[in-house]
């Protein structure tokens, strides 16, 4: 595992330029962290299956705090071994509680769409358009680390990888993002 994160970063061609671009996106998106956490948990509460994981307002508030930290790490954190271990820990918790991979993927879809809506509003900023590939790589690395080979059965792992790669490609090759 010593080189696992470096291998992932190399595989996704994620480098220091990507970190700098994500820092630019952080300026735009991190002020939205509370709104994201609120919208995300409202979304989860709308489905009886996912709502059952958060039976009390205290549980919801604790998870919102975790979500804000996770979102900060996505955009402004250091992509190192400690980060990878935290992400794998999240994935292991999801497996331990019996959360279907479908719901993990749907959660990332919700987060990407939430962010996409905010990024579209800033489309006139060339730095935002330039950051598109970095956002795709970073958000894909997040979900792939959370669906690590050691935490999911092969068929679920394959679906998660396929979905992430297909989703990040198609999400950013439509609309304004075709002219980066």
N, C-alpha and C. Protein backbone atom coordinates (compact mmCIF):
# COMPACT_ATOMS: atom_id res chain seq x y z
N UNK A 1 0.82 -1.20 0.00
CA UNK A 1 0.00 0.00 0.00
C UNK A 1 0.86 1.26 0.00
N UNK A 2 2.14 1.15 0.26
CA UNK A 2 2.99 2.33 0.36
C UNK A 2 2.91 3.21 -0.88
N UNK A 3 2.80 2.62 -2.04
CA UNK A 3 2.77 3.39 -3.28
C UNK A 3 1.38 3.41 -3.92
N UNK A 4 0.39 2.94 -3.21
CA UNK A 4 -0.95 2.80 -3.81
C UNK A 4 -1.49 4.14 -4.31
N UNK A 5 -1.42 5.18 -3.50
CA UNK A 5 -1.96 6.47 -3.93
C UNK A 5 -1.15 7.02 -5.09
N UNK A 6 0.16 6.89 -5.04
CA UNK A 6 0.98 7.36 -6.15
C UNK A 6 0.63 6.62 -7.43
N UNK A 7 0.38 5.32 -7.31
CA UNK A 7 -0.03 4.54 -8.48
C UNK A 7 -1.36 5.04 -9.04
N UNK A 8 -2.31 5.30 -8.15
CA UNK A 8 -3.62 5.80 -8.59
C UNK A 8 -3.46 7.16 -9.27
N UNK A 9 -2.71 8.05 -8.65
CA UNK A 9 -2.51 9.38 -9.23
C UNK A 9 -1.84 9.29 -10.59
N UNK A 10 -0.85 8.44 -10.70
CA UNK A 10 -0.15 8.26 -11.98
C UNK A 10 -1.11 7.67 -13.02
N UNK A 11 -1.90 6.69 -12.62
CA UNK A 11 -2.83 6.06 -13.55
C UNK A 11 -3.83 7.08 -14.11
N UNK A 12 -4.29 7.99 -13.25
CA UNK A 12 -5.25 9.01 -13.68
C UNK A 12 -4.58 10.29 -14.15
N UNK A 13 -3.27 10.26 -14.27
CA UNK A 13 -2.49 11.41 -14.73
C UNK A 13 -2.83 12.66 -13.91
N UNK A 14 -2.90 12.46 -12.61
CA UNK A 14 -3.23 13.52 -11.67
C UNK A 14 -1.94 14.03 -11.05
N UNK A 15 -1.64 15.31 -11.30
CA UNK A 15 -0.38 15.86 -10.82
C UNK A 15 -0.56 17.17 -10.07
N UNK A 16 0.55 17.85 -9.88
CA UNK A 16 0.52 19.10 -9.12
C UNK A 16 -0.32 20.16 -9.82
N UNK A 17 -0.36 20.14 -11.15
CA UNK A 17 -1.23 21.08 -11.87
C UNK A 17 -2.70 20.84 -11.51
N UNK A 18 -3.07 19.57 -11.36
CA UNK A 18 -4.45 19.24 -10.98
C UNK A 18 -4.75 19.77 -9.57
N UNK A 19 -3.80 19.62 -8.67
CA UNK A 19 -4.01 20.13 -7.31
C UNK A 19 -4.23 21.64 -7.34
N UNK A 20 -3.46 22.35 -8.16
CA UNK A 20 -3.62 23.80 -8.27
C UNK A 20 -4.97 24.17 -8.87
N UNK A 21 -5.41 23.41 -9.86
CA UNK A 21 -6.72 23.68 -10.47
C UNK A 21 -7.85 23.40 -9.48
N UNK A 22 -7.71 22.32 -8.72
CA UNK A 22 -8.73 22.03 -7.72
C UNK A 22 -8.78 23.12 -6.65
N UNK A 23 -7.62 23.70 -6.35
CA UNK A 23 -7.60 24.82 -5.39
C UNK A 23 -8.43 25.99 -5.94
N UNK A 24 -8.37 26.21 -7.24
CA UNK A 24 -9.19 27.27 -7.85
C UNK A 24 -10.68 26.92 -7.73
N UNK A 25 -11.01 25.66 -7.98
CA UNK A 25 -12.40 25.23 -7.83
C UNK A 25 -12.84 25.31 -6.37
N UNK A 26 -11.90 25.06 -5.45
CA UNK A 26 -12.22 25.14 -4.02
C UNK A 26 -12.72 26.54 -3.66
N UNK A 27 -12.11 27.57 -4.26
CA UNK A 27 -12.55 28.94 -3.99
C UNK A 27 -14.02 29.12 -4.36
N UNK A 28 -14.45 28.47 -5.40
CA UNK A 28 -15.81 28.59 -5.88
C UNK A 28 -16.77 27.65 -5.14
N UNK A 29 -16.33 26.41 -4.89
CA UNK A 29 -17.23 25.39 -4.38
C UNK A 29 -17.26 25.24 -2.87
N UNK A 30 -16.15 25.47 -2.18
CA UNK A 30 -16.16 25.26 -0.73
C UNK A 30 -17.14 26.16 0.01
N UNK A 31 -17.39 27.39 -0.45
CA UNK A 31 -18.44 28.17 0.23
C UNK A 31 -19.82 27.52 0.11
N UNK A 32 -19.96 26.55 -0.77
CA UNK A 32 -21.23 25.83 -0.96
C UNK A 32 -21.30 24.55 -0.12
N UNK A 33 -20.29 24.29 0.72
CA UNK A 33 -20.23 23.03 1.46
C UNK A 33 -21.45 22.81 2.34
N UNK A 34 -21.92 23.84 3.02
CA UNK A 34 -23.11 23.68 3.86
C UNK A 34 -24.34 23.37 3.02
N UNK A 35 -24.47 24.09 1.91
CA UNK A 35 -25.61 23.85 1.02
C UNK A 35 -25.56 22.44 0.43
N UNK A 36 -24.35 21.98 0.09
CA UNK A 36 -24.20 20.62 -0.43
C UNK A 36 -24.61 19.61 0.64
N UNK A 37 -24.11 19.77 1.85
CA UNK A 37 -24.45 18.82 2.92
C UNK A 37 -25.96 18.80 3.17
N UNK A 38 -26.57 19.98 3.21
CA UNK A 38 -28.02 20.04 3.43
C UNK A 38 -28.78 19.35 2.29
N UNK A 39 -28.42 19.68 1.05
CA UNK A 39 -29.11 19.10 -0.10
C UNK A 39 -28.88 17.59 -0.18
N UNK A 40 -27.66 17.17 0.12
CA UNK A 40 -27.32 15.75 0.04
C UNK A 40 -28.16 14.94 1.04
N UNK A 41 -28.23 15.41 2.27
CA UNK A 41 -28.98 14.65 3.27
C UNK A 41 -30.49 14.78 3.10
N UNK A 42 -30.94 15.85 2.50
CA UNK A 42 -32.36 15.92 2.11
C UNK A 42 -32.64 14.87 1.04
N UNK A 43 -31.72 14.75 0.11
CA UNK A 43 -31.84 13.75 -0.96
C UNK A 43 -31.88 12.34 -0.36
N UNK A 44 -30.96 12.05 0.56
CA UNK A 44 -30.95 10.72 1.19
C UNK A 44 -32.22 10.47 1.99
N UNK A 45 -32.74 11.50 2.64
CA UNK A 45 -33.97 11.36 3.44
C UNK A 45 -35.18 11.08 2.56
N UNK A 46 -35.09 11.40 1.28
CA UNK A 46 -36.23 11.21 0.39
C UNK A 46 -36.41 9.74 -0.03
N UNK A 47 -35.43 8.91 0.27
CA UNK A 47 -35.50 7.49 -0.07
C UNK A 47 -35.57 6.69 1.23
N UNK A 48 -36.59 5.87 1.40
CA UNK A 48 -36.73 5.12 2.66
C UNK A 48 -35.52 4.25 3.00
N UNK A 49 -34.89 3.67 1.99
CA UNK A 49 -33.73 2.81 2.24
C UNK A 49 -32.57 3.62 2.83
N UNK A 50 -32.20 4.72 2.19
CA UNK A 50 -31.08 5.51 2.69
C UNK A 50 -31.45 6.29 3.94
N UNK A 51 -32.69 6.72 4.04
CA UNK A 51 -33.13 7.46 5.24
C UNK A 51 -32.97 6.62 6.50
N UNK A 52 -33.12 5.32 6.37
CA UNK A 52 -33.03 4.43 7.53
C UNK A 52 -31.64 4.42 8.17
N UNK A 53 -30.62 4.83 7.42
CA UNK A 53 -29.27 4.87 7.97
C UNK A 53 -29.05 6.08 8.88
N UNK A 54 -29.97 7.03 8.86
CA UNK A 54 -29.84 8.27 9.64
C UNK A 54 -31.14 8.51 10.40
N UNK A 55 -31.37 7.73 11.46
CA UNK A 55 -32.67 7.74 12.13
C UNK A 55 -32.95 8.97 12.99
N UNK A 56 -31.91 9.72 13.33
CA UNK A 56 -32.13 10.87 14.21
C UNK A 56 -31.49 12.13 13.62
N UNK A 57 -31.99 13.29 14.01
CA UNK A 57 -31.36 14.55 13.56
C UNK A 57 -29.89 14.65 13.99
N UNK A 58 -29.56 14.07 15.13
CA UNK A 58 -28.17 14.08 15.59
C UNK A 58 -27.27 13.32 14.61
N UNK A 59 -27.75 12.15 14.15
CA UNK A 59 -27.00 11.37 13.16
C UNK A 59 -26.82 12.17 11.87
N UNK A 60 -27.86 12.81 11.43
CA UNK A 60 -27.78 13.60 10.19
C UNK A 60 -26.76 14.73 10.36
N UNK A 61 -26.82 15.45 11.45
CA UNK A 61 -25.88 16.56 11.67
C UNK A 61 -24.44 16.07 11.75
N UNK A 62 -24.23 14.93 12.38
CA UNK A 62 -22.87 14.38 12.46
C UNK A 62 -22.36 14.03 11.06
N UNK A 63 -23.21 13.44 10.25
CA UNK A 63 -22.81 13.08 8.88
C UNK A 63 -22.61 14.31 8.00
N UNK A 64 -23.39 15.34 8.23
CA UNK A 64 -23.18 16.59 7.48
C UNK A 64 -21.79 17.14 7.75
N UNK A 65 -21.37 17.07 8.99
CA UNK A 65 -20.03 17.52 9.35
C UNK A 65 -18.97 16.68 8.62
N UNK A 66 -19.19 15.37 8.60
CA UNK A 66 -18.28 14.48 7.89
C UNK A 66 -18.27 14.81 6.40
N UNK A 67 -19.44 15.09 5.83
CA UNK A 67 -19.55 15.42 4.41
C UNK A 67 -18.76 16.69 4.09
N UNK A 68 -18.88 17.70 4.94
CA UNK A 68 -18.15 18.95 4.70
C UNK A 68 -16.64 18.71 4.72
N UNK A 69 -16.17 17.89 5.65
CA UNK A 69 -14.73 17.56 5.71
C UNK A 69 -14.31 16.80 4.47
N UNK A 70 -15.11 15.82 4.06
CA UNK A 70 -14.81 15.03 2.85
C UNK A 70 -14.74 15.94 1.63
N UNK A 71 -15.68 16.88 1.52
CA UNK A 71 -15.72 17.79 0.38
C UNK A 71 -14.50 18.71 0.38
N UNK A 72 -14.11 19.17 1.55
CA UNK A 72 -12.90 19.98 1.66
C UNK A 72 -11.69 19.18 1.19
N UNK A 73 -11.58 17.93 1.65
CA UNK A 73 -10.45 17.10 1.26
C UNK A 73 -10.44 16.82 -0.24
N UNK A 74 -11.59 16.68 -0.83
CA UNK A 74 -11.67 16.47 -2.28
C UNK A 74 -11.06 17.64 -3.03
N UNK A 75 -11.39 18.85 -2.61
CA UNK A 75 -10.98 20.03 -3.35
C UNK A 75 -9.67 20.65 -2.87
N UNK A 76 -9.39 20.56 -1.59
CA UNK A 76 -8.24 21.29 -1.05
C UNK A 76 -7.30 20.40 -0.23
N UNK A 77 -7.58 19.12 -0.18
CA UNK A 77 -6.75 18.22 0.61
C UNK A 77 -5.51 17.78 -0.15
N UNK A 78 -4.67 17.05 0.54
CA UNK A 78 -3.47 16.48 -0.04
C UNK A 78 -3.78 15.05 -0.46
N UNK A 79 -3.53 14.73 -1.70
CA UNK A 79 -3.79 13.39 -2.21
C UNK A 79 -2.59 12.51 -1.89
N UNK A 80 -2.56 12.02 -0.63
CA UNK A 80 -1.45 11.20 -0.16
C UNK A 80 -1.99 9.90 0.43
N UNK A 81 -1.09 9.11 1.04
CA UNK A 81 -1.49 7.81 1.60
C UNK A 81 -2.54 7.96 2.70
N UNK A 82 -2.41 9.00 3.52
CA UNK A 82 -3.39 9.21 4.60
C UNK A 82 -4.76 9.48 4.00
N UNK A 83 -4.81 10.25 2.93
CA UNK A 83 -6.07 10.54 2.24
C UNK A 83 -6.67 9.25 1.70
N UNK A 84 -5.83 8.44 1.09
CA UNK A 84 -6.31 7.16 0.55
C UNK A 84 -6.86 6.28 1.66
N UNK A 85 -6.16 6.22 2.79
CA UNK A 85 -6.66 5.40 3.91
C UNK A 85 -8.02 5.90 4.40
N UNK A 86 -8.20 7.23 4.47
CA UNK A 86 -9.51 7.76 4.89
C UNK A 86 -10.60 7.36 3.90
N UNK A 87 -10.30 7.46 2.61
CA UNK A 87 -11.28 7.10 1.59
C UNK A 87 -11.62 5.62 1.65
N UNK A 88 -10.60 4.80 1.82
CA UNK A 88 -10.86 3.36 1.93
C UNK A 88 -11.68 3.07 3.18
N UNK A 89 -11.43 3.81 4.24
CA UNK A 89 -12.21 3.65 5.46
C UNK A 89 -13.68 3.95 5.23
N UNK A 90 -13.95 4.99 4.45
CA UNK A 90 -15.34 5.32 4.11
C UNK A 90 -15.97 4.16 3.34
N UNK A 91 -15.23 3.64 2.37
CA UNK A 91 -15.74 2.51 1.60
C UNK A 91 -16.01 1.29 2.46
N UNK A 92 -15.12 1.02 3.41
CA UNK A 92 -15.30 -0.13 4.29
C UNK A 92 -16.51 0.04 5.20
N UNK A 93 -16.75 1.26 5.65
CA UNK A 93 -17.95 1.51 6.47
C UNK A 93 -19.20 1.24 5.64
N UNK A 94 -19.20 1.70 4.39
CA UNK A 94 -20.36 1.46 3.53
C UNK A 94 -20.60 -0.03 3.33
N UNK A 95 -19.52 -0.78 3.15
CA UNK A 95 -19.66 -2.23 3.00
C UNK A 95 -20.14 -2.85 4.32
N UNK A 96 -19.57 -2.42 5.43
CA UNK A 96 -19.92 -2.98 6.74
C UNK A 96 -21.41 -2.80 7.05
N UNK A 97 -21.96 -1.65 6.69
CA UNK A 97 -23.38 -1.41 6.98
C UNK A 97 -24.29 -2.02 5.92
N UNK A 98 -23.68 -2.61 4.89
CA UNK A 98 -24.48 -3.29 3.87
C UNK A 98 -25.04 -2.37 2.81
N UNK A 99 -24.43 -1.21 2.63
CA UNK A 99 -24.91 -0.26 1.62
C UNK A 99 -24.55 -0.77 0.23
N UNK A 100 -25.54 -0.90 -0.62
CA UNK A 100 -25.33 -1.35 -1.99
C UNK A 100 -24.47 -0.34 -2.75
N UNK A 101 -23.58 -0.85 -3.61
CA UNK A 101 -22.74 0.01 -4.43
C UNK A 101 -23.55 0.99 -5.27
N UNK A 102 -24.76 0.60 -5.61
CA UNK A 102 -25.64 1.49 -6.38
C UNK A 102 -25.84 2.81 -5.65
N UNK A 103 -26.03 2.76 -4.34
CA UNK A 103 -26.28 3.97 -3.58
C UNK A 103 -25.03 4.84 -3.46
N UNK A 104 -23.86 4.21 -3.40
CA UNK A 104 -22.60 4.98 -3.39
C UNK A 104 -22.46 5.72 -4.72
N UNK A 105 -22.70 5.02 -5.80
CA UNK A 105 -22.60 5.65 -7.11
C UNK A 105 -23.65 6.75 -7.27
N UNK A 106 -24.85 6.50 -6.81
CA UNK A 106 -25.90 7.52 -6.90
C UNK A 106 -25.53 8.74 -6.06
N UNK A 107 -24.88 8.53 -4.92
CA UNK A 107 -24.44 9.65 -4.08
C UNK A 107 -23.41 10.49 -4.81
N UNK A 108 -22.44 9.84 -5.45
CA UNK A 108 -21.44 10.61 -6.21
C UNK A 108 -22.10 11.34 -7.37
N UNK A 109 -23.08 10.72 -7.99
CA UNK A 109 -23.81 11.39 -9.07
C UNK A 109 -24.47 12.66 -8.53
N UNK A 110 -25.10 12.57 -7.38
CA UNK A 110 -25.74 13.73 -6.78
C UNK A 110 -24.72 14.84 -6.52
N UNK A 111 -23.58 14.47 -5.95
CA UNK A 111 -22.54 15.46 -5.63
C UNK A 111 -21.98 16.09 -6.91
N UNK A 112 -21.72 15.28 -7.91
CA UNK A 112 -21.20 15.83 -9.17
C UNK A 112 -22.21 16.77 -9.81
N UNK A 113 -23.47 16.41 -9.79
CA UNK A 113 -24.50 17.28 -10.38
C UNK A 113 -24.62 18.58 -9.60
N UNK A 114 -24.59 18.51 -8.29
CA UNK A 114 -24.64 19.70 -7.45
C UNK A 114 -23.50 20.64 -7.83
N UNK A 115 -22.30 20.10 -7.92
CA UNK A 115 -21.13 20.92 -8.27
C UNK A 115 -21.20 21.41 -9.71
N UNK A 116 -21.63 20.55 -10.60
CA UNK A 116 -21.75 20.93 -12.01
C UNK A 116 -22.65 22.15 -12.16
N UNK A 117 -23.76 22.17 -11.45
CA UNK A 117 -24.67 23.31 -11.54
C UNK A 117 -23.98 24.60 -11.12
N UNK A 118 -23.13 24.54 -10.12
CA UNK A 118 -22.40 25.73 -9.69
C UNK A 118 -21.30 26.11 -10.68
N UNK A 119 -20.65 25.12 -11.25
CA UNK A 119 -19.57 25.38 -12.21
C UNK A 119 -20.10 25.97 -13.51
N UNK A 120 -21.27 25.54 -13.92
CA UNK A 120 -21.88 26.09 -15.14
C UNK A 120 -22.07 27.60 -14.99
N UNK A 121 -22.44 28.05 -13.80
CA UNK A 121 -22.64 29.48 -13.56
C UNK A 121 -21.34 30.26 -13.72
N UNK A 122 -20.20 29.59 -13.56
CA UNK A 122 -18.91 30.26 -13.66
C UNK A 122 -18.21 29.95 -14.98
N UNK A 123 -18.98 29.53 -15.99
CA UNK A 123 -18.39 29.08 -17.25
C UNK A 123 -17.56 30.12 -17.96
N UNK A 124 -17.80 31.39 -17.73
CA UNK A 124 -17.04 32.42 -18.43
C UNK A 124 -15.61 32.53 -17.92
N UNK A 125 -15.31 31.94 -16.78
CA UNK A 125 -13.96 31.98 -16.21
C UNK A 125 -13.12 30.88 -16.85
N UNK A 126 -12.08 31.26 -17.62
CA UNK A 126 -11.25 30.23 -18.27
C UNK A 126 -10.59 29.28 -17.27
N UNK A 127 -10.28 29.76 -16.08
CA UNK A 127 -9.65 28.89 -15.08
C UNK A 127 -10.60 27.78 -14.65
N UNK A 128 -11.88 28.08 -14.63
CA UNK A 128 -12.87 27.05 -14.28
C UNK A 128 -12.93 26.01 -15.39
N UNK A 129 -12.99 26.46 -16.64
CA UNK A 129 -13.00 25.50 -17.75
C UNK A 129 -11.73 24.67 -17.78
N UNK A 130 -10.60 25.29 -17.49
CA UNK A 130 -9.33 24.58 -17.49
C UNK A 130 -9.27 23.53 -16.38
N UNK A 131 -10.02 23.76 -15.31
CA UNK A 131 -10.01 22.84 -14.16
C UNK A 131 -10.87 21.61 -14.38
N UNK A 132 -11.65 21.58 -15.45
CA UNK A 132 -12.56 20.46 -15.72
C UNK A 132 -11.90 19.09 -15.61
N UNK A 133 -10.78 18.86 -16.30
CA UNK A 133 -10.18 17.52 -16.18
C UNK A 133 -9.72 17.19 -14.76
N UNK A 134 -9.26 18.18 -14.04
CA UNK A 134 -8.83 17.95 -12.66
C UNK A 134 -10.00 17.55 -11.78
N UNK A 135 -11.14 18.21 -11.97
CA UNK A 135 -12.35 17.85 -11.22
C UNK A 135 -12.76 16.42 -11.54
N UNK A 136 -12.72 16.06 -12.82
CA UNK A 136 -13.09 14.70 -13.21
C UNK A 136 -12.16 13.68 -12.57
N UNK A 137 -10.86 13.94 -12.65
CA UNK A 137 -9.90 12.99 -12.07
C UNK A 137 -10.08 12.89 -10.55
N UNK A 138 -10.15 14.04 -9.89
CA UNK A 138 -10.25 14.04 -8.43
C UNK A 138 -11.50 13.34 -7.94
N UNK A 139 -12.63 13.63 -8.55
CA UNK A 139 -13.87 13.01 -8.09
C UNK A 139 -13.90 11.52 -8.43
N UNK A 140 -13.26 11.13 -9.51
CA UNK A 140 -13.18 9.70 -9.85
C UNK A 140 -12.27 8.98 -8.88
N UNK A 141 -11.14 9.57 -8.54
CA UNK A 141 -10.22 8.97 -7.58
C UNK A 141 -10.93 8.75 -6.25
N UNK A 142 -11.74 9.72 -5.84
CA UNK A 142 -12.46 9.62 -4.57
C UNK A 142 -13.34 8.37 -4.55
N UNK A 143 -14.14 8.18 -5.58
CA UNK A 143 -15.05 7.03 -5.54
C UNK A 143 -14.32 5.72 -5.78
N UNK A 144 -13.28 5.73 -6.60
CA UNK A 144 -12.56 4.49 -6.82
C UNK A 144 -11.84 4.04 -5.56
N UNK A 145 -11.28 4.98 -4.82
CA UNK A 145 -10.61 4.62 -3.57
C UNK A 145 -11.63 4.07 -2.58
N UNK A 146 -12.84 4.62 -2.60
CA UNK A 146 -13.89 4.15 -1.69
C UNK A 146 -14.47 2.81 -2.10
N UNK A 147 -14.26 2.41 -3.34
CA UNK A 147 -14.74 1.11 -3.81
C UNK A 147 -13.54 0.22 -4.15
N UNK A 148 -12.56 0.27 -3.30
CA UNK A 148 -11.32 -0.48 -3.46
C UNK A 148 -11.57 -1.97 -3.62
N UNK A 149 -10.66 -2.63 -4.29
CA UNK A 149 -10.79 -4.06 -4.57
C UNK A 149 -10.97 -4.90 -3.31
N UNK A 150 -10.42 -4.45 -2.20
CA UNK A 150 -10.51 -5.27 -0.99
C UNK A 150 -11.85 -5.10 -0.28
N UNK A 151 -12.68 -4.15 -0.73
CA UNK A 151 -13.90 -3.89 0.01
C UNK A 151 -15.17 -4.33 -0.70
N UNK A 152 -15.11 -4.56 -1.99
CA UNK A 152 -16.32 -4.93 -2.72
C UNK A 152 -16.12 -6.21 -3.50
N UNK A 153 -17.17 -7.00 -3.65
CA UNK A 153 -17.07 -8.17 -4.52
C UNK A 153 -16.78 -7.72 -5.95
N UNK A 154 -16.17 -8.58 -6.72
CA UNK A 154 -15.72 -8.22 -8.05
C UNK A 154 -16.81 -7.62 -8.92
N UNK A 155 -18.01 -8.20 -8.92
CA UNK A 155 -19.05 -7.67 -9.81
C UNK A 155 -19.45 -6.25 -9.43
N UNK A 156 -19.50 -5.92 -8.14
CA UNK A 156 -19.82 -4.55 -7.73
C UNK A 156 -18.68 -3.60 -8.06
N UNK A 157 -17.44 -4.07 -7.87
CA UNK A 157 -16.28 -3.25 -8.15
C UNK A 157 -16.26 -2.89 -9.64
N UNK A 158 -16.50 -3.85 -10.49
CA UNK A 158 -16.49 -3.59 -11.92
C UNK A 158 -17.55 -2.57 -12.30
N UNK A 159 -18.74 -2.69 -11.72
CA UNK A 159 -19.80 -1.73 -12.02
C UNK A 159 -19.40 -0.33 -11.56
N UNK A 160 -18.79 -0.23 -10.38
CA UNK A 160 -18.40 1.09 -9.87
C UNK A 160 -17.35 1.72 -10.78
N UNK A 161 -16.36 0.96 -11.21
CA UNK A 161 -15.32 1.50 -12.08
C UNK A 161 -15.92 1.93 -13.41
N UNK A 162 -16.75 1.08 -14.00
CA UNK A 162 -17.35 1.41 -15.29
C UNK A 162 -18.19 2.66 -15.17
N UNK A 163 -19.01 2.73 -14.14
CA UNK A 163 -19.90 3.88 -13.98
C UNK A 163 -19.12 5.15 -13.81
N UNK A 164 -18.09 5.14 -12.97
CA UNK A 164 -17.32 6.36 -12.71
C UNK A 164 -16.65 6.85 -13.98
N UNK A 165 -15.95 5.96 -14.67
CA UNK A 165 -15.24 6.38 -15.87
C UNK A 165 -16.22 6.88 -16.92
N UNK A 166 -17.32 6.18 -17.12
CA UNK A 166 -18.30 6.60 -18.11
C UNK A 166 -18.95 7.92 -17.70
N UNK A 167 -19.28 8.04 -16.44
CA UNK A 167 -19.96 9.24 -15.95
C UNK A 167 -19.07 10.48 -16.06
N UNK A 168 -17.82 10.38 -15.64
CA UNK A 168 -16.98 11.57 -15.67
C UNK A 168 -16.69 11.98 -17.11
N UNK A 169 -16.62 11.02 -18.00
CA UNK A 169 -16.39 11.36 -19.39
C UNK A 169 -17.63 12.04 -19.98
N UNK A 170 -18.79 11.44 -19.81
CA UNK A 170 -19.99 11.99 -20.44
C UNK A 170 -20.46 13.28 -19.79
N UNK A 171 -20.29 13.39 -18.47
CA UNK A 171 -20.80 14.57 -17.78
C UNK A 171 -20.10 15.84 -18.25
N UNK A 172 -18.86 15.71 -18.59
CA UNK A 172 -18.10 16.90 -18.93
C UNK A 172 -17.90 17.07 -20.44
N UNK A 173 -18.47 16.21 -21.24
CA UNK A 173 -18.35 16.37 -22.68
C UNK A 173 -19.67 16.80 -23.29
N UNK A 174 -20.55 17.33 -22.47
CA UNK A 174 -21.80 17.88 -22.96
C UNK A 174 -21.88 19.34 -22.59
N UNK A 175 -22.68 20.06 -23.30
CA UNK A 175 -22.90 21.46 -22.96
C UNK A 175 -21.64 22.29 -23.03
N UNK A 176 -21.48 23.18 -22.06
CA UNK A 176 -20.37 24.13 -22.09
C UNK A 176 -19.02 23.47 -22.00
N UNK A 177 -18.96 22.27 -21.45
CA UNK A 177 -17.67 21.68 -21.18
C UNK A 177 -17.02 21.09 -22.42
N UNK A 178 -17.66 21.15 -23.55
CA UNK A 178 -17.04 20.64 -24.78
C UNK A 178 -15.98 21.61 -25.30
N UNK A 179 -15.98 22.82 -24.81
CA UNK A 179 -15.01 23.81 -25.28
C UNK A 179 -14.13 24.27 -24.13
N UNK A 180 -13.31 23.36 -23.65
CA UNK A 180 -12.44 23.70 -22.52
C UNK A 180 -11.21 24.43 -22.98
